[in-house]
């Protein structure tokens, strides 16, 4: 009988430790989300884009509608896939529930693009709520 009590206490302790770890895990950082968002656009991965985007970028559509609309819009533009050689982060400004991540995208053709992604923390995770192509500082 004592062994059952010990096993029960160990199981409860392990469950408590697991819940604590899950609760304390901050999840992906704004930098991680921004890089994943850039990568999803490069791969035309609209499911991931919907997951990483806030309502502001979902065009008022649910997941299935969003994915179908984007696939239809890009169906005849396969040349827009796989343009990026590398995505790097130039700067991050992070507040409690808001962040701006400036990225540089080195393109396979030798060009580059600079983007500013605005993120908001909602429901404990970072979401991209605005995305803006920036003037190329290197070319200025």
Protein backbone atom coordinates (compact mmCIF):
# COMPACT_ATOMS: atom_id res chain seq x y z
CA UNK A 1 0.00 0.00 0.00
CA UNK A 2 2.86 2.39 0.79
CA UNK A 3 4.33 1.87 -2.67
CA UNK A 4 1.04 2.96 -4.27
CA UNK A 5 1.09 6.17 -2.23
CA UNK A 6 4.72 6.85 -3.20
CA UNK A 7 3.99 6.22 -6.89
CA UNK A 8 0.93 8.48 -6.67
CA UNK A 9 2.95 11.29 -5.07
CA UNK A 10 5.68 10.94 -7.72
CA UNK A 11 3.10 11.06 -10.54
CA UNK A 12 1.45 14.16 -9.06
CA UNK A 13 4.86 15.82 -8.60
CA UNK A 14 5.85 15.05 -12.21
CA UNK A 15 2.55 16.43 -13.52
CA UNK A 16 3.03 19.57 -11.43
CA UNK A 17 6.58 20.00 -12.71
CA UNK A 18 5.41 19.57 -16.31
CA UNK A 19 2.67 22.18 -15.85
CA UNK A 20 5.17 24.58 -14.31
CA UNK A 21 7.59 24.13 -17.21
CA UNK A 22 4.83 24.69 -19.77
CA UNK A 23 3.56 27.76 -17.92
CA UNK A 24 7.01 29.34 -17.63
CA UNK A 25 8.04 28.65 -21.24
CA UNK A 26 7.90 32.03 -23.00
CA UNK A 27 7.54 30.42 -26.44
CA UNK A 28 9.18 31.78 -29.58
CA UNK A 29 10.68 35.25 -29.35
CA UNK A 30 9.67 38.11 -31.67
CA UNK A 31 12.90 37.43 -33.60
CA UNK A 32 11.99 33.75 -34.07
CA UNK A 33 8.48 34.65 -35.23
CA UNK A 34 9.75 37.30 -37.66
CA UNK A 35 12.24 34.89 -39.25
CA UNK A 36 9.57 32.19 -39.49
CA UNK A 37 7.17 34.69 -41.09
CA UNK A 38 9.75 35.75 -43.68
CA UNK A 39 10.53 32.11 -44.41
CA UNK A 40 6.84 31.24 -44.77
CA UNK A 41 6.42 34.01 -47.35
CA UNK A 42 9.47 32.78 -49.22
CA UNK A 43 7.99 29.28 -49.38
CA UNK A 44 4.45 30.59 -50.00
CA UNK A 45 3.44 28.57 -46.93
CA UNK A 46 0.06 30.18 -46.31
CA UNK A 47 -0.92 27.86 -43.45
CA UNK A 48 2.10 29.05 -41.45
CA UNK A 49 1.48 32.67 -42.44
CA UNK A 50 -2.04 32.45 -41.05
CA UNK A 51 -0.75 30.92 -37.81
CA UNK A 52 1.91 33.61 -37.33
CA UNK A 53 -0.34 36.53 -38.32
CA UNK A 54 -2.69 38.57 -36.21
CA UNK A 55 -6.23 39.33 -37.36
CA UNK A 56 -4.91 42.49 -39.03
CA UNK A 57 -3.18 40.41 -41.72
CA UNK A 58 -5.78 37.66 -42.14
CA UNK A 59 -8.10 39.71 -44.37
CA UNK A 60 -11.08 38.82 -42.15
CA UNK A 61 -10.85 35.21 -43.31
CA UNK A 62 -10.74 31.99 -41.34
CA UNK A 63 -7.75 29.69 -41.86
CA UNK A 64 -9.21 27.66 -44.75
CA UNK A 65 -10.53 30.73 -46.60
CA UNK A 66 -7.21 32.56 -46.14
CA UNK A 67 -5.14 29.64 -47.44
CA UNK A 68 -7.44 29.10 -50.43
CA UNK A 69 -7.46 32.81 -51.32
CA UNK A 70 -3.67 33.11 -51.11
CA UNK A 71 -3.13 29.92 -53.11
CA UNK A 72 -5.44 31.22 -55.83
CA UNK A 73 -3.71 34.61 -55.84
CA UNK A 74 -0.22 33.10 -56.17
CA UNK A 75 -1.13 30.06 -58.27
CA UNK A 76 0.26 31.52 -61.49
CA UNK A 77 3.30 33.14 -59.86
CA UNK A 78 5.60 30.22 -58.98
CA UNK A 79 8.62 32.47 -59.56
CA UNK A 80 7.88 34.22 -56.27
CA UNK A 81 8.75 31.09 -54.30
CA UNK A 82 12.27 30.41 -53.04
CA UNK A 83 13.74 33.86 -53.72
CA UNK A 84 15.53 34.17 -50.37
CA UNK A 85 19.04 32.93 -49.79
CA UNK A 86 19.15 34.04 -46.15
CA UNK A 87 17.09 36.03 -43.66
CA UNK A 88 18.88 37.94 -40.93
CA UNK A 89 17.72 40.26 -38.17
CA UNK A 90 19.15 43.78 -38.18
CA UNK A 91 17.40 45.22 -35.13
CA UNK A 92 14.76 44.36 -32.55
CA UNK A 93 12.80 46.80 -30.43
CA UNK A 94 10.76 44.94 -27.86
CA UNK A 95 8.30 46.19 -25.30
CA UNK A 96 6.03 44.28 -22.99
CA UNK A 97 3.41 43.41 -25.62
CA UNK A 98 4.76 44.99 -28.80
CA UNK A 99 7.88 44.51 -30.89
CA UNK A 100 9.39 45.67 -34.17
CA UNK A 101 11.84 43.38 -35.92
CA UNK A 102 13.84 44.73 -38.85
CA UNK A 103 15.04 42.01 -41.18
CA UNK A 104 17.31 41.81 -44.21
CA UNK A 105 16.56 39.23 -46.84
CA UNK A 106 19.46 38.31 -49.10
CA UNK A 107 18.02 37.16 -52.41
CA UNK A 108 19.37 34.37 -54.58
CA UNK A 109 19.80 36.78 -57.49
CA UNK A 110 22.20 38.91 -55.42
CA UNK A 111 19.68 41.56 -54.43
CA UNK A 112 18.33 42.24 -50.98
CA UNK A 113 15.22 43.48 -49.24
CA UNK A 114 14.72 45.12 -45.87
CA UNK A 115 11.50 44.63 -43.94
CA UNK A 116 9.98 45.93 -40.73
CA UNK A 117 7.65 43.49 -39.01
CA UNK A 118 5.45 44.74 -36.19
CA UNK A 119 4.42 42.12 -33.68
CA UNK A 120 1.93 42.11 -30.83
CA UNK A 121 1.85 39.65 -27.95
CA UNK A 122 -1.60 38.12 -27.70
CA UNK A 123 -2.68 35.09 -25.75
CA UNK A 124 0.91 34.61 -24.60
CA UNK A 125 2.41 34.42 -28.09
CA UNK A 126 3.85 36.84 -30.61
CA UNK A 127 1.89 37.52 -33.82
CA UNK A 128 2.83 39.63 -36.84
CA UNK A 129 0.30 42.46 -37.12
CA UNK A 130 1.96 44.67 -39.76
CA UNK A 131 4.62 44.16 -42.39
CA UNK A 132 6.37 46.88 -44.35
CA UNK A 133 9.04 46.76 -47.04
CA UNK A 134 11.69 49.31 -46.16
CA UNK A 135 13.89 51.34 -48.47
CA UNK A 136 17.20 49.62 -49.09
CA UNK A 137 19.66 51.48 -46.86
CA UNK A 138 22.63 50.01 -48.73
CA UNK A 139 21.40 51.43 -52.01
CA UNK A 140 20.70 54.90 -50.57
